[in-house]
Amino acid sequence: MIEDGIAQRTIEIIAKAKNIPTDTVTPETTFEALNIDSLDKINISFEVEEAYEIAIPDESLGSLKTVGDVIEGVRKLVAAKSAGAAPAATS
């Protein structure tokens, strides 16, 4: 069961990116099980950044192994943004 909006919305983004039903994706689902490769991670990160108006550090993408990892990262970045502590995105 998905308990919050961030988790649900993140799962929807990932499911849409892989063109699969959202009910087949849970926080415990691994990227390997979803056949998510490095290019998929980049595309998903762009979608997540746009949806939440956050900046995901490029170096953190490699450590993402599960859907839950993405959800937890989004929660942290959204909380930091809400607290006004989000670092400025650099290009």
Protein backbone atom coordinates (compact mmCIF):
# COMPACT_ATOMS: atom_id res chain seq x y z
CA MET A 1 0.00 0.00 0.00
CA ILE A 2 1.27 3.44 -0.90
CA GLU A 3 0.95 5.81 2.04
CA ASP A 4 1.78 9.17 0.56
CA GLY A 5 1.54 11.35 -2.51
CA ILE A 6 5.28 11.50 -3.17
CA ALA A 7 5.55 7.71 -3.31
CA GLN A 8 2.48 7.36 -5.53
CA ARG A 9 3.50 10.12 -7.93
CA THR A 10 7.06 8.80 -8.19
CA ILE A 11 5.78 5.29 -8.92
CA GLU A 12 3.49 6.72 -11.60
CA ILE A 13 6.44 8.51 -13.23
CA ILE A 14 8.56 5.35 -13.24
CA ALA A 15 5.70 3.16 -14.51
CA LYS A 16 4.93 5.63 -17.30
CA ALA A 17 8.61 5.78 -18.31
CA LYS A 18 8.67 1.99 -18.67
CA ASN A 19 5.12 1.78 -20.08
CA ILE A 20 3.96 -0.66 -17.39
CA PRO A 21 0.96 -0.68 -15.02
CA THR A 22 1.52 1.26 -11.79
CA ASP A 23 0.23 -1.66 -9.74
CA THR A 24 3.26 -3.70 -10.81
CA VAL A 25 5.65 -1.17 -9.22
CA THR A 26 6.28 -0.93 -5.47
CA PRO A 27 8.95 0.82 -3.39
CA GLU A 28 10.70 -2.55 -3.08
CA THR A 29 10.85 -3.10 -6.85
CA THR A 30 14.42 -3.05 -8.12
CA PHE A 31 15.52 -1.22 -11.23
CA GLU A 32 16.95 -4.52 -12.44
CA ALA A 33 13.48 -6.11 -12.22
CA LEU A 34 12.07 -3.23 -14.27
CA ASN A 35 14.93 -3.39 -16.79
CA ILE A 36 15.88 0.20 -15.99
CA ASP A 37 19.30 1.04 -17.40
CA SER A 38 21.43 4.14 -17.00
CA LEU A 39 19.64 5.98 -19.82
CA ASP A 40 16.28 5.18 -18.23
CA LYS A 41 17.60 6.54 -14.91
CA ILE A 42 18.51 9.82 -16.60
CA ASN A 43 15.11 10.10 -18.28
CA ILE A 44 13.28 9.24 -15.06
CA SER A 45 15.37 11.76 -13.13
CA PHE A 46 14.38 14.50 -15.60
CA GLU A 47 10.70 13.61 -15.18
CA VAL A 48 11.00 13.56 -11.38
CA GLU A 49 12.90 16.87 -11.33
CA GLU A 50 10.19 18.50 -13.45
CA ALA A 51 7.33 17.02 -11.42
CA TYR A 52 8.72 18.18 -8.06
CA GLU A 53 10.72 21.22 -9.21
CA ILE A 54 13.89 19.81 -7.63
CA ALA A 55 17.43 19.13 -8.83
CA ILE A 56 18.75 15.58 -8.47
CA PRO A 57 22.55 15.53 -8.24
CA ASP A 58 23.98 13.56 -11.18
CA GLU A 59 26.35 11.67 -8.90
CA SER A 60 23.44 10.23 -6.92
CA LEU A 61 21.92 8.47 -9.93
CA GLY A 62 24.41 5.61 -9.78
CA SER A 63 23.43 4.69 -6.23
CA LEU A 64 19.73 4.28 -7.06
CA LYS A 65 18.85 0.58 -7.06
CA THR A 66 15.15 0.49 -6.16
CA VAL A 67 12.02 2.54 -6.62
CA GLY A 68 12.19 3.19 -2.86
CA ASP A 69 15.63 4.77 -3.28
CA VAL A 70 14.10 7.29 -5.67
CA ILE A 71 11.16 7.96 -3.35
CA GLU A 72 13.46 8.53 -0.36
CA GLY A 73 15.71 10.84 -2.38
CA VAL A 74 12.73 12.84 -3.60
CA ARG A 75 11.41 13.16 -0.04
CA LYS A 76 14.77 14.52 1.13
CA LEU A 77 15.08 16.99 -1.75
CA VAL A 78 11.49 18.19 -1.37
CA ALA A 79 11.98 18.64 2.38
CA ALA A 80 15.20 20.58 1.80
CA LYS A 81 13.45 22.74 -0.81
CA SER A 82 10.56 23.40 1.57
CA ALA A 83 13.03 24.36 4.30
CA GLY A 84 14.76 26.74 1.90
CA ALA A 85 17.98 24.75 2.14
CA ALA A 86 18.02 23.33 -1.36
CA PRO A 87 21.31 24.05 -3.10
CA ALA A 88 21.12 26.04 -6.30
CA ALA A 89 21.20 23.91 -9.41
CA THR A 90 24.39 24.33 -11.40
CA SER A 91 24.80 23.88 -15.10
